[in-house]
C-alpha atoms as a PDB file:
ATOM      1  CA  MET A   1     -78.320-128.361 -59.929  1.00  0.00           C
ATOM      2  CA  THR A   2     -77.234-127.009 -63.291  1.00  0.00           C
ATOM      3  CA  LEU A   3     -74.606-124.294 -63.509  1.00  0.00           C
ATOM      4  CA  GLN A   4     -77.342-121.902 -64.616  1.00  0.00           C
ATOM      5  CA  ASP A   5     -79.336-122.683 -61.454  1.00  0.00           C
ATOM      6  CA  LEU A   6     -76.245-122.165 -59.333  1.00  0.00           C
ATOM      7  CA  MET A   7     -75.605-118.784 -61.000  1.00  0.00           C
ATOM      8  CA  MET A   8     -79.170-117.752 -60.127  1.00  0.00           C
ATOM      9  CA  LEU A   9     -78.577-118.819 -56.530  1.00  0.00           C
ATOM     10  CA  TYR A  10     -75.077-117.434 -55.936  1.00  0.00           C
ATOM     11  CA  GLY A  11     -75.155-114.634 -58.501  1.00  0.00           C
ATOM     12  CA  VAL A  12     -78.625-113.243 -57.820  1.00  0.00           C
ATOM     13  CA  THR A  13     -80.350-114.579 -54.685  1.00  0.00           C
ATOM     14  CA  LEU A  14     -77.142-114.632 -52.631  1.00  0.00           C
ATOM     15  CA  GLY A  15     -75.259-112.292 -54.960  1.00  0.00           C
ATOM     16  CA  LYS A  16     -74.259-109.844 -52.213  1.00  0.00           C
ATOM     17  CA  ARG A  17     -71.862-111.277 -49.638  1.00  0.00           C
ATOM     18  CA  ARG A  18     -70.381-108.257 -47.892  1.00  0.00           C
ATOM     19  CA  THR A  19     -72.187-107.790 -44.560  1.00  0.00           C
ATOM     20  CA  ALA A  20     -72.072-110.296 -41.693  1.00  0.00           C
ATOM     21  CA  LYS A  21     -75.695-111.301 -42.342  1.00  0.00           C
ATOM     22  CA  GLN A  22     -75.112-111.813 -46.065  1.00  0.00           C
ATOM     23  CA  LYS A  23     -72.047-113.969 -45.351  1.00  0.00           C
ATOM     24  CA  TYR A  24     -73.997-115.969 -42.775  1.00  0.00           C
ATOM     25  CA  LEU A  25     -76.733-116.769 -45.309  1.00  0.00           C
ATOM     26  CA  PHE A  26     -74.076-117.868 -47.793  1.00  0.00           C
ATOM     27  CA  ALA A  27     -72.376-120.103 -45.220  1.00  0.00           C
ATOM     28  CA  GLN A  28     -75.738-121.574 -44.243  1.00  0.00           C
ATOM     29  CA  GLN A  29     -76.427-122.472 -47.874  1.00  0.00           C
ATOM     30  CA  LEU A  30     -73.060-124.231 -48.227  1.00  0.00           C
ATOM     31  CA  ASN A  31     -73.651-126.120 -44.979  1.00  0.00           C
ATOM     32  CA  GLU A  32     -76.945-127.378 -46.369  1.00  0.00           C
ATOM     33  CA  SER A  33     -75.780-128.285 -49.881  1.00  0.00           C
ATOM     34  CA  LEU A  34     -72.215-129.646 -49.603  1.00  0.00           C
ATOM     35  CA  PRO A  35     -72.281-132.197 -46.713  1.00  0.00           C
ATOM     36  CA  PRO A  36     -74.908-134.408 -48.461  1.00  0.00           C
ATOM     37  CA  LEU A  37     -72.457-134.611 -51.393  1.00  0.00           C
ATOM     38  CA  GLY A  38     -69.708-135.895 -49.123  1.00  0.00           C
ATOM     39  CA  TRP A  39     -68.058-132.536 -48.402  1.00  0.00           C
ATOM     40  CA  PRO A  40     -68.224-131.707 -44.671  1.00  0.00           C
ATOM     41  CA  VAL A  41     -67.827-127.965 -44.157  1.00  0.00           C
ATOM     42  CA  ARG A  42     -65.755-126.370 -41.407  1.00  0.00           C
ATOM     43  CA  VAL A  43     -64.778-122.806 -40.628  1.00  0.00           C
ATOM     44  CA  GLN A  44     -61.160-121.706 -40.757  1.00  0.00           C
ATOM     45  CA  GLN A  45     -61.157-118.623 -38.584  1.00  0.00           C
ATOM     46  CA  ARG A  46     -58.811-115.878 -37.515  1.00  0.00           C
ATOM     47  CA  GLU A  47     -59.552-112.783 -35.488  1.00  0.00           C
ATOM     48  CA  GLY A  48     -58.127-109.651 -37.076  1.00  0.00           C
ATOM     49  CA  ARG A  49     -57.624-106.258 -35.503  1.00  0.00           C
ATOM     50  CA  PHE A  50     -60.617-104.756 -37.284  1.00  0.00           C
ATOM     51  CA  SER A  51     -62.467-107.785 -38.676  1.00  0.00           C
ATOM     52  CA  LYS A  52     -62.881-111.520 -38.419  1.00  0.00           C
ATOM     53  CA  ILE A  53     -61.865-113.803 -41.295  1.00  0.00           C
ATOM     54  CA  GLU A  54     -63.970-116.944 -41.714  1.00  0.00           C
ATOM     55  CA  ASN A  55     -62.969-119.183 -44.604  1.00  0.00           C
ATOM     56  CA  LEU A  56     -65.255-122.113 -45.388  1.00  0.00           C
ATOM     57  CA  ILE A  57     -63.370-125.360 -46.023  1.00  0.00           C
ATOM     58  CA  ALA A  58     -65.120-128.340 -47.623  1.00  0.00           C
ATOM     59  CA  GLY A  59     -63.365-131.692 -47.592  1.00  0.00           C
ATOM     60  CA  ASP A  60     -60.123-132.944 -46.039  1.00  0.00           C
ATOM     61  CA  LEU A  61     -57.743-130.060 -46.656  1.00  0.00           C
ATOM     62  CA  ALA A  62     -54.838-131.636 -44.764  1.00  0.00           C
ATOM     63  CA  ASN A  63     -54.646-134.624 -47.121  1.00  0.00           C
ATOM     64  CA  ALA A  64     -55.805-132.991 -50.362  1.00  0.00           C
ATOM     65  CA  LYS A  65     -53.846-133.383 -53.575  1.00  0.00           C
ATOM     66  CA  VAL A  66     -55.998-130.766 -55.309  1.00  0.00           C
ATOM     67  CA  VAL A  67     -57.425-127.665 -53.613  1.00  0.00           C
ATOM     68  CA  ILE A  68     -59.990-125.573 -55.495  1.00  0.00           C
ATOM     69  CA  ALA A  69     -60.060-122.087 -53.976  1.00  0.00           C
ATOM     70  CA  VAL A  70     -62.326-119.106 -54.664  1.00  0.00           C
ATOM     71  CA  PRO A  71     -63.027-115.797 -52.934  1.00  0.00           C
ATOM     72  CA  PHE A  72     -66.622-115.589 -51.743  1.00  0.00           C
ATOM     73  CA  ASP A  73     -67.022-112.071 -50.357  1.00  0.00           C
ATOM     74  CA  THR A  74     -68.038-109.325 -52.782  1.00  0.00           C
ATOM     75  CA  PRO A  75     -66.641-105.820 -53.390  1.00  0.00           C
ATOM     76  CA  ALA A  76     -68.080-102.461 -52.465  1.00  0.00           C
ATOM     77  CA  LYS A  77     -69.997-100.535 -55.097  1.00  0.00           C
ATOM     78  CA  ALA A  78     -67.881 -98.007 -56.966  1.00  0.00           C
ATOM     79  CA  LEU A  79     -69.047 -94.665 -58.346  1.00  0.00           C
ATOM     80  CA  ARG A  80     -67.782 -95.664 -61.782  1.00  0.00           C
ATOM     81  CA  PRO A  81     -67.314 -99.104 -63.361  1.00  0.00           C
ATOM     82  CA  GLN A  82     -63.924-100.432 -62.303  1.00  0.00           C
ATOM     83  CA  LYS A  83     -61.288-102.324 -64.235  1.00  0.00           C
ATOM     84  CA  TYR A  84     -59.914-105.333 -62.394  1.00  0.00           C
ATOM     85  CA  TYR A  85     -56.421-106.728 -62.985  1.00  0.00           C
ATOM     86  CA  PRO A  86     -56.283-110.382 -61.811  1.00  0.00           C
ATOM     87  CA  PHE A  87     -52.493-110.656 -62.036  1.00  0.00           C
ATOM     88  CA  HIS A  88     -51.475-107.102 -61.090  1.00  0.00           C
ATOM     89  CA  PRO A  89     -53.135-106.103 -57.774  1.00  0.00           C
ATOM     90  CA  ASP A  90     -51.215-102.816 -57.570  1.00  0.00           C
ATOM     91  CA  LYS A  91     -53.347-101.530 -60.427  1.00  0.00           C
ATOM     92  CA  ASN A  92     -56.491-102.545 -58.528  1.00  0.00           C
ATOM     93  CA  VAL A  93     -55.337-100.396 -55.603  1.00  0.00           C
ATOM     94  CA  GLN A  94     -54.859 -97.474 -57.990  1.00  0.00           C
ATOM     95  CA  GLN A  95     -58.359 -97.962 -59.410  1.00  0.00           C
ATOM     96  CA  ARG A  96     -59.884 -98.028 -55.934  1.00  0.00           C
ATOM     97  CA  GLY A  97     -57.845 -95.009 -54.845  1.00  0.00           C
ATOM     98  CA  ARG A  98     -59.147 -92.919 -57.756  1.00  0.00           C
ATOM     99  CA  ASP A  99     -62.717 -93.920 -56.947  1.00  0.00           C
ATOM    100  CA  LEU A 100     -62.278 -93.011 -53.273  1.00  0.00           C
ATOM    101  CA  ALA A 101     -60.812 -89.634 -54.269  1.00  0.00           C
ATOM    102  CA  LEU A 102     -63.843 -88.943 -56.475  1.00  0.00           C
ATOM    103  CA  GLN A 103     -66.112 -90.021 -53.649  1.00  0.00           C
ATOM    104  CA  CYS A 104     -64.399 -87.599 -51.236  1.00  0.00           C
ATOM    105  CA  VAL A 105     -64.786 -84.725 -53.717  1.00  0.00           C
ATOM    106  CA  LEU A 106     -68.510 -85.409 -54.073  1.00  0.00           C
ATOM    107  CA  GLU A 107     -68.911 -85.643 -50.290  1.00  0.00           C
ATOM    108  CA  LEU A 108     -67.178 -82.275 -49.795  1.00  0.00           C
ATOM    109  CA  LEU A 109     -69.342 -80.709 -52.485  1.00  0.00           C
ATOM    110  CA  CYS A 110     -72.492 -82.018 -50.811  1.00  0.00           C
ATOM    111  CA  PHE A 111     -71.497 -80.769 -47.355  1.00  0.00           C
ATOM    112  CA  GLY A 112     -70.276 -77.442 -48.748  1.00  0.00           C
ATOM    113  CA  ALA A 113     -73.488 -76.873 -50.686  1.00  0.00           C
ATOM    114  CA  ALA A 114     -75.526 -77.828 -47.609  1.00  0.00           C
ATOM    115  CA  CYS A 115     -73.688 -75.277 -45.430  1.00  0.00           C
ATOM    116  CA  LEU A 116     -73.991 -72.553 -48.066  1.00  0.00           C
ATOM    117  CA  MET A 117     -77.699 -73.183 -48.501  1.00  0.00           C
ATOM    118  CA  PHE A 118     -78.343 -73.123 -44.750  1.00  0.00           C
ATOM    119  CA  TRP A 119     -76.419 -69.888 -44.127  1.00  0.00           C
ATOM    120  CA  SER A 120     -77.960 -68.126 -47.098  1.00  0.00           C
ATOM    121  CA  GLY A 121     -81.438 -68.845 -45.790  1.00  0.00           C
ATOM    122  CA  ARG A 122     -80.913 -67.580 -42.241  1.00  0.00           C
ATOM    123  CA  GLY A 123     -83.272 -64.793 -41.203  1.00  0.00           C
ATOM    124  CA  THR A 124     -85.288 -64.954 -44.427  1.00  0.00           C
ATOM    125  CA  GLY A 125     -88.698 -66.347 -45.298  1.00  0.00           C
ATOM    126  CA  ALA A 126     -87.015 -69.159 -47.203  1.00  0.00           C
ATOM    127  CA  MET A 127     -85.181 -70.472 -44.136  1.00  0.00           C
ATOM    128  CA  LEU A 128     -87.364 -73.560 -43.663  1.00  0.00           C
ATOM    129  CA  PRO A 129     -87.208 -74.895 -47.239  1.00  0.00           C
ATOM    130  CA  ARG A 130     -83.502 -74.031 -47.482  1.00  0.00           C
ATOM    131  CA  THR A 131     -82.819 -75.847 -44.196  1.00  0.00           C
ATOM    132  CA  LEU A 132     -84.670 -78.913 -45.442  1.00  0.00           C
ATOM    133  CA  ALA A 133     -82.716 -78.817 -48.682  1.00  0.00           C
ATOM    134  CA  ALA A 134     -79.462 -78.458 -46.725  1.00  0.00           C
ATOM    135  CA  LEU A 135     -80.363 -81.477 -44.598  1.00  0.00           C
ATOM    136  CA  LEU A 136     -81.109 -83.434 -47.749  1.00  0.00           C
ATOM    137  CA  LEU A 137     -77.714 -82.575 -49.238  1.00  0.00           C
ATOM    138  CA  ALA A 138     -75.987 -83.438 -45.964  1.00  0.00           C
ATOM    139  CA  GLY A 139     -77.829 -86.772 -45.989  1.00  0.00           C
ATOM    140  CA  VAL A 140     -76.512 -87.484 -49.470  1.00  0.00           C
ATOM    141  CA  GLY A 141     -72.999 -86.744 -48.210  1.00  0.00           C
ATOM    142  CA  VAL A 142     -73.437 -89.140 -45.275  1.00  0.00           C
ATOM    143  CA  TRP A 143     -74.797 -91.809 -47.645  1.00  0.00           C
ATOM    144  CA  LEU A 144     -71.679 -91.449 -49.806  1.00  0.00           C
ATOM    145  CA  LEU A 145     -69.521 -92.009 -46.736  1.00  0.00           C
ATOM    146  CA  LEU A 146     -71.098 -95.399 -46.050  1.00  0.00           C
ATOM    147  CA  PRO A 147     -69.874 -98.540 -47.862  1.00  0.00           C
ATOM    148  CA  HIS A 148     -72.458-100.236 -50.071  1.00  0.00           C
ATOM    149  CA  ALA A 149     -72.350-103.701 -51.568  1.00  0.00           C
ATOM    150  CA  SER A 150     -72.090-103.837 -55.332  1.00  0.00           C
ATOM    151  CA  PRO A 151     -75.503-104.862 -56.759  1.00  0.00           C
ATOM    152  CA  CYS A 152     -74.047-107.323 -59.300  1.00  0.00           C
ATOM    153  CA  ASN A 153     -70.928-109.438 -58.865  1.00  0.00           C
ATOM    154  CA  PHE A 154     -70.836-112.060 -61.608  1.00  0.00           C
ATOM    155  CA  SER A 155     -67.118-111.561 -62.299  1.00  0.00           C
ATOM    156  CA  ARG A 156     -66.142-110.618 -58.713  1.00  0.00           C
ATOM    157  CA  CYS A 157     -66.818-113.449 -57.912  1.00  0.00           C
ATOM    158  CA  SER A 158     -70.192-115.228 -58.096  1.00  0.00           C
ATOM    159  CA  GLY A 159     -69.212-117.085 -61.258  1.00  0.00           C
ATOM    160  CA  ALA A 160     -66.233-118.679 -59.507  1.00  0.00           C
ATOM    161  CA  VAL A 161     -68.369-119.611 -56.476  1.00  0.00           C
ATOM    162  CA  ALA A 162     -71.055-121.223 -58.644  1.00  0.00           C
ATOM    163  CA  THR A 163     -68.393-123.129 -60.608  1.00  0.00           C
ATOM    164  CA  ALA A 164     -66.761-124.400 -57.402  1.00  0.00           C
ATOM    165  CA  VAL A 165     -70.102-125.664 -56.073  1.00  0.00           C
ATOM    166  CA  LYS A 166     -70.838-127.376 -59.403  1.00  0.00           C
ATOM    167  CA  LEU A 167     -67.389-128.991 -59.245  1.00  0.00           C
ATOM    168  CA  ALA A 168     -68.234-130.223 -55.741  1.00  0.00           C
ATOM    169  CA  GLU A 169     -71.312-131.913 -57.198  1.00  0.00           C
ATOM    170  CA  ASP A 170     -69.414-133.489 -60.097  1.00  0.00           C
ATOM    171  CA  LEU A 171     -66.465-134.591 -57.942  1.00  0.00           C
ATOM    172  CA  SER A 172     -68.527-136.062 -55.116  1.00  0.00           C
ATOM    173  CA  GLY A 173     -66.686-138.962 -53.506  1.00  0.00           C
ATOM    174  CA  GLU A 174     -63.172-137.773 -54.440  1.00  0.00           C
ATOM    175  CA  GLU A 175     -61.336-137.945 -51.119  1.00  0.00           C
ATOM    176  CA  ASN A 176     -58.164-136.245 -52.353  1.00  0.00           C
ATOM    177  CA  ILE A 177     -59.874-132.970 -53.312  1.00  0.00           C
ATOM    178  CA  ALA A 178     -60.842-130.074 -51.052  1.00  0.00           C
ATOM    179  CA  PHE A 179     -62.614-126.768 -51.617  1.00  0.00           C
ATOM    180  CA  ALA A 180     -61.896-123.409 -49.980  1.00  0.00           C
ATOM    181  CA  PHE A 181     -64.299-120.460 -50.070  1.00  0.00           C
ATOM    182  CA  CYS A 182     -62.202-117.550 -48.828  1.00  0.00           C
ATOM    183  CA  ASP A 183     -63.440-114.546 -46.867  1.00  0.00           C
ATOM    184  CA  HIS A 184     -61.820-111.096 -47.164  1.00  0.00           C
ATOM    185  CA  ALA A 185     -60.315-112.249 -50.443  1.00  0.00           C
ATOM    186  CA  VAL A 186     -61.932-110.148 -53.160  1.00  0.00           C
ATOM    187  CA  ASP A 187     -60.483-106.772 -52.096  1.00  0.00           C
ATOM    188  CA  ASN A 188     -57.289-108.130 -50.541  1.00  0.00           C
ATOM    189  CA  TYR A 189     -55.553-111.446 -49.885  1.00  0.00           C
ATOM    190  CA  ASP A 190     -56.294-111.875 -46.156  1.00  0.00           C
ATOM    191  CA  GLY A 191     -58.491-114.949 -46.613  1.00  0.00           C
ATOM    192  CA  PHE A 192     -56.000-116.517 -49.005  1.00  0.00           C
ATOM    193  CA  ARG A 193     -53.165-115.864 -46.534  1.00  0.00           C
ATOM    194  CA  LEU A 194     -55.110-117.761 -43.895  1.00  0.00           C
ATOM    195  CA  LEU A 195     -55.778-120.621 -46.311  1.00  0.00           C
ATOM    196  CA  ALA A 196     -52.084-120.840 -47.268  1.00  0.00           C
ATOM    197  CA  GLN A 197     -51.219-121.729 -43.668  1.00  0.00           C
ATOM    198  CA  GLU A 198     -52.974-125.114 -43.982  1.00  0.00           C
ATOM    199  CA  VAL A 199     -52.575-126.062 -47.646  1.00  0.00           C
ATOM    200  CA  PRO A 200     -50.302-129.118 -48.117  1.00  0.00           C
ATOM    201  CA  THR A 201     -47.029-128.127 -49.750  1.00  0.00           C
ATOM    202  CA  ALA A 202     -47.338-130.536 -52.668  1.00  0.00           C
ATOM    203  CA  ALA A 203     -51.031-129.862 -53.397  1.00  0.00           C
ATOM    204  CA  ILE A 204     -52.156-128.313 -56.673  1.00  0.00           C
ATOM    205  CA  VAL A 205     -54.096-125.171 -55.801  1.00  0.00           C
ATOM    206  CA  LEU A 206     -56.584-124.125 -58.484  1.00  0.00           C
ATOM    207  CA  LEU A 207     -57.433-120.456 -57.930  1.00  0.00           C
ATOM    208  CA  LEU A 208     -60.627-119.621 -59.818  1.00  0.00           C
ATOM    209  CA  ASP A 209     -61.050-115.944 -60.661  1.00  0.00           C
ATOM    210  CA  ASN A 210     -63.413-114.342 -63.190  1.00  0.00           C
ATOM    211  CA  LEU A 211     -65.017-117.108 -65.260  1.00  0.00           C
ATOM    212  CA  THR A 212     -68.105-115.294 -66.551  1.00  0.00           C
ATOM    213  CA  SER A 213     -67.023-112.709 -69.122  1.00  0.00           C
ATOM    214  CA  GLY A 214     -64.227-111.539 -71.394  1.00  0.00           C
ATOM    215  CA  PRO A 215     -63.064-112.840 -74.775  1.00  0.00           C
ATOM    216  CA  ALA A 216     -59.766-114.335 -73.586  1.00  0.00           C
ATOM    217  CA  VAL A 217     -58.758-117.012 -71.068  1.00  0.00           C
ATOM    218  CA  ALA A 218     -55.517-116.845 -69.074  1.00  0.00           C
ATOM    219  CA  LEU A 219     -53.853-119.431 -66.853  1.00  0.00           C
ATOM    220  CA  ALA A 220     -51.079-118.062 -64.641  1.00  0.00           C
ATOM    221  CA  HIS A 221     -48.591-120.248 -62.774  1.00  0.00           C
ATOM    222  CA  GLY A 222     -44.972-120.617 -61.779  1.00  0.00           C
ATOM    223  CA  GLU A 223     -42.299-122.999 -63.025  1.00  0.00           C
ATOM    224  CA  TYR A 224     -43.407-125.642 -60.497  1.00  0.00           C
ATOM    225  CA  ARG A 225     -46.669-126.151 -62.384  1.00  0.00           C
ATOM    226  CA  LYS A 226     -45.530-125.806 -65.984  1.00  0.00           C
ATOM    227  CA  GLU A 227     -46.404-129.407 -66.897  1.00  0.00           C
ATOM    228  CA  ALA A 228     -49.759-129.351 -65.075  1.00  0.00           C
ATOM    229  CA  ALA A 229     -50.634-126.022 -66.709  1.00  0.00           C
ATOM    230  CA  GLU A 230     -49.977-127.451 -70.161  1.00  0.00           C
ATOM    231  CA  GLN A 231     -52.269-130.351 -69.339  1.00  0.00           C
ATOM    232  CA  LEU A 232     -55.064-128.060 -68.124  1.00  0.00           C
ATOM    233  CA  CYS A 233     -54.688-125.771 -71.138  1.00  0.00           C
ATOM    234  CA  SER A 234     -55.167-128.762 -73.427  1.00  0.00           C
ATOM    235  CA  LEU A 235     -58.458-129.545 -71.669  1.00  0.00           C
ATOM    236  CA  LEU A 236     -59.852-126.010 -71.652  1.00  0.00           C
ATOM    237  CA  PRO A 237     -62.388-125.325 -74.404  1.00  0.00           C
ATOM    238  CA  GLU A 238     -60.839-122.232 -75.928  1.00  0.00           C
ATOM    239  CA  ASP A 239     -58.595-122.461 -78.989  1.00  0.00           C
ATOM    240  CA  LYS A 240     -56.226-119.943 -77.439  1.00  0.00           C
ATOM    241  CA  VAL A 241     -55.381-119.908 -73.745  1.00  0.00           C
ATOM    242  CA  TYR A 242     -52.777-117.433 -72.507  1.00  0.00           C
ATOM    243  CA  ASP A 243     -50.387-119.718 -70.633  1.00  0.00           C
ATOM    244  CA  ARG A 244     -48.504-117.278 -68.392  1.00  0.00           C
ATOM    245  CA  ASN A 245     -45.469-118.795 -66.700  1.00  0.00           C
ATOM    246  CA  TYR A 246     -44.419-116.170 -64.148  1.00  0.00           C
ATOM    247  CA  PRO A 247     -40.790-116.098 -62.994  1.00  0.00           C
ATOM    248  CA  GLU A 248     -40.166-115.806 -59.273  1.00  0.00           C
ATOM    249  CA  GLU A 249     -39.747-112.012 -59.157  1.00  0.00           C
ATOM    250  CA  GLN A 250     -43.006-111.378 -61.065  1.00  0.00           C
ATOM    251  CA  ARG A 251     -44.934-114.004 -59.120  1.00  0.00           C
ATOM    252  CA  GLN A 252     -44.283-112.074 -55.928  1.00  0.00           C
ATOM    253  CA  ARG A 253     -46.570-109.250 -57.083  1.00  0.00           C
ATOM    254  CA  ASN A 254     -49.760-111.339 -57.247  1.00  0.00           C
ATOM    255  CA  LEU A 255     -51.658-114.178 -55.598  1.00  0.00           C
ATOM    256  CA  LEU A 256     -49.183-116.819 -56.763  1.00  0.00           C
ATOM    257  CA  ALA A 257     -46.755-115.500 -54.149  1.00  0.00           C
ATOM    258  CA  LEU A 258     -48.902-117.257 -51.515  1.00  0.00           C
ATOM    259  CA  PHE A 259     -49.273-120.451 -53.548  1.00  0.00           C
ATOM    260  CA  PRO A 260     -46.005-121.141 -55.430  1.00  0.00           C
ATOM    261  CA  ARG A 261     -47.436-124.460 -56.657  1.00  0.00           C
ATOM    262  CA  GLY A 262     -50.782-122.982 -57.598  1.00  0.00           C
ATOM    263  CA  MET A 263     -52.461-122.004 -60.864  1.00  0.00           C
ATOM    264  CA  MET A 264     -54.823-119.066 -61.345  1.00  0.00           C
ATOM    265  CA  LEU A 265     -57.529-119.172 -64.033  1.00  0.00           C
ATOM    266  CA  SER A 266     -59.282-116.023 -65.230  1.00  0.00           C
ATOM    267  CA  CYS A 267     -61.185-114.606 -68.201  1.00  0.00           C
ATOM    268  CA  GLY A 268     -60.893-111.065 -69.532  1.00  0.00           C
ATOM    269  CA  ARG A 269     -59.146-109.180 -72.285  1.00  0.00           C
ATOM    270  CA  VAL A 270     -55.582-108.136 -73.009  1.00  0.00           C
ATOM    271  CA  GLU A 271     -55.166-104.371 -72.881  1.00  0.00           C
ATOM    272  CA  LYS A 272     -51.806-102.623 -73.176  1.00  0.00           C
ATOM    273  CA  GLY A 273     -49.989-105.773 -72.172  1.00  0.00           C
ATOM    274  CA  GLU A 274     -52.144-106.357 -69.082  1.00  0.00           C
ATOM    275  CA  PHE A 275     -54.946-108.853 -68.538  1.00  0.00           C
ATOM    276  CA  VAL A 276     -58.028-106.931 -67.431  1.00  0.00           C
ATOM    277  CA  VAL A 277     -61.659-107.556 -66.492  1.00  0.00           C
ATOM    278  CA  GLU A 278     -64.014-104.689 -67.312  1.00  0.00           C
ATOM    279  CA  ASN A 279     -67.142-103.274 -65.632  1.00  0.00           C
ATOM    280  CA  THR A 280     -66.678-104.604 -62.106  1.00  0.00           C
ATOM    281  CA  CYS A 281     -68.045-103.209 -58.812  1.00  0.00           C
ATOM    282  CA  CYS A 282     -71.158-101.887 -60.561  1.00  0.00           C
ATOM    283  CA  ALA A 283     -74.580-102.850 -61.902  1.00  0.00           C
ATOM    284  CA  GLN A 284     -73.020-103.739 -65.277  1.00  0.00           C
ATOM    285  CA  ASP A 285     -71.246-106.767 -63.790  1.00  0.00           C
ATOM    286  CA  HIS A 286     -73.878-109.236 -64.990  1.00  0.00           C
ATOM    287  CA  VAL A 287     -72.393-110.476 -68.293  1.00  0.00           C
ATOM    288  CA  LEU A 288     -72.457-114.271 -68.463  1.00  0.00           C
ATOM    289  CA  ASP A 289     -71.016-116.614 -71.095  1.00  0.00           C
ATOM    290  CA  LEU A 290     -72.764-119.699 -69.722  1.00  0.00           C
ATOM    291  CA  PRO A 291     -71.816-122.209 -72.475  1.00  0.00           C
ATOM    292  CA  ARG A 292     -68.117-121.416 -72.012  1.00  0.00           C
ATOM    293  CA  MET A 293     -68.452-121.644 -68.225  1.00  0.00           C
ATOM    294  CA  GLU A 294     -70.002-125.095 -68.571  1.00  0.00           C
ATOM    295  CA  ARG A 295     -67.177-126.254 -70.834  1.00  0.00           C
ATOM    296  CA  MET A 296     -64.566-124.852 -68.451  1.00  0.00           C
ATOM    297  CA  GLU A 297     -66.229-126.528 -65.480  1.00  0.00           C
ATOM    298  CA  ARG A 298     -66.093-129.912 -67.204  1.00  0.00           C
ATOM    299  CA  ALA A 299     -62.419-129.364 -68.070  1.00  0.00           C
ATOM    300  CA  LEU A 300     -61.624-128.445 -64.455  1.00  0.00           C
ATOM    301  CA  ALA A 301     -63.499-131.507 -63.194  1.00  0.00           C
ATOM    302  CA  ASP A 302     -61.564-133.832 -65.532  1.00  0.00           C
ATOM    303  CA  PHE A 303     -58.237-132.245 -64.615  1.00  0.00           C
ATOM    304  CA  SER A 304     -58.922-132.358 -60.859  1.00  0.00           C
ATOM    305  CA  LYS A 305     -59.999-135.995 -60.993  1.00  0.00           C
ATOM    306  CA  GLN A 306     -56.873-136.990 -62.929  1.00  0.00           C
ATOM    307  CA  LYS A 307     -54.539-135.212 -60.523  1.00  0.00           C
ATOM    308  CA  ALA A 308     -56.358-136.411 -57.404  1.00  0.00           C
ATOM    309  CA  ASN A 309     -56.106-140.054 -58.504  1.00  0.00           C
ATOM    310  CA  LYS A 310     -52.563-139.901 -59.840  1.00  0.00           C
ATOM    311  CA  LYS A 311     -50.315-142.479 -58.227  1.00  0.00           C
ATOM    312  CA  GLU A 312     -47.305-141.184 -56.348  1.00  0.00           C
ATOM    313  CA  ASN A 313     -43.941-142.101 -57.840  1.00  0.00           C
END
């Protein structure tokens, strides 16, 4: 399949992966498409206190020299378009907190208006229509309380999923590569924490983030992967790639804390010194730079093949 076909499949048809049924359909699709390419799929599972984490692992993770990892679950819909900070998760928590606060205010307004409307109509001829209107407002408040899947998730993170599946097609037969599709990984790092328990210490972990939109490309890593990052940057199609070598203390604040020998690739824009992805968790998250994605996928395939076949010293 072409990358465009895969974006239609994982970005539209299976674009919501939040409920248990939606995740099951996604897992079923991977189990149908990857094993014929030489990538047997297994479930890496852990029971949590409130939820169950089920990562999908394709290939021989225990002996992999290169691990390509992506989150596959999708975020909840926000009331306003959210900014996403790939390398500064504390700011993501702040964004979500502000949206939840706004949601609570709207819920209180709905319930308050419903109560006021009901009491004002008691004992009058307008009691029935006012009661119906109050019930309608209360229903809106209940609807706001319920979590809803975001309708479009190209950047968070259907583009990364489609790219990983395309890489699986292009790298078919490479025994030293494995793929990880991580659950409970788009809103927090629970799925990545579970993955980190089995990743070989010396493996290069390629963490694919937003690959669909944004004028700039950033590659974040620690000192362990400085040489490999330079090599990947030289293969990437953009004239300018932000090569961000995080020192130990800064690496602890983001996903690289779990994968000290990993590299995280994302697209976005630089804003006030931070790398940010705009218009996430909303219907506007459908921007797609397909030609650049195709070039990046080919670069990632070449890099992964080189590293997987590199002879040990």
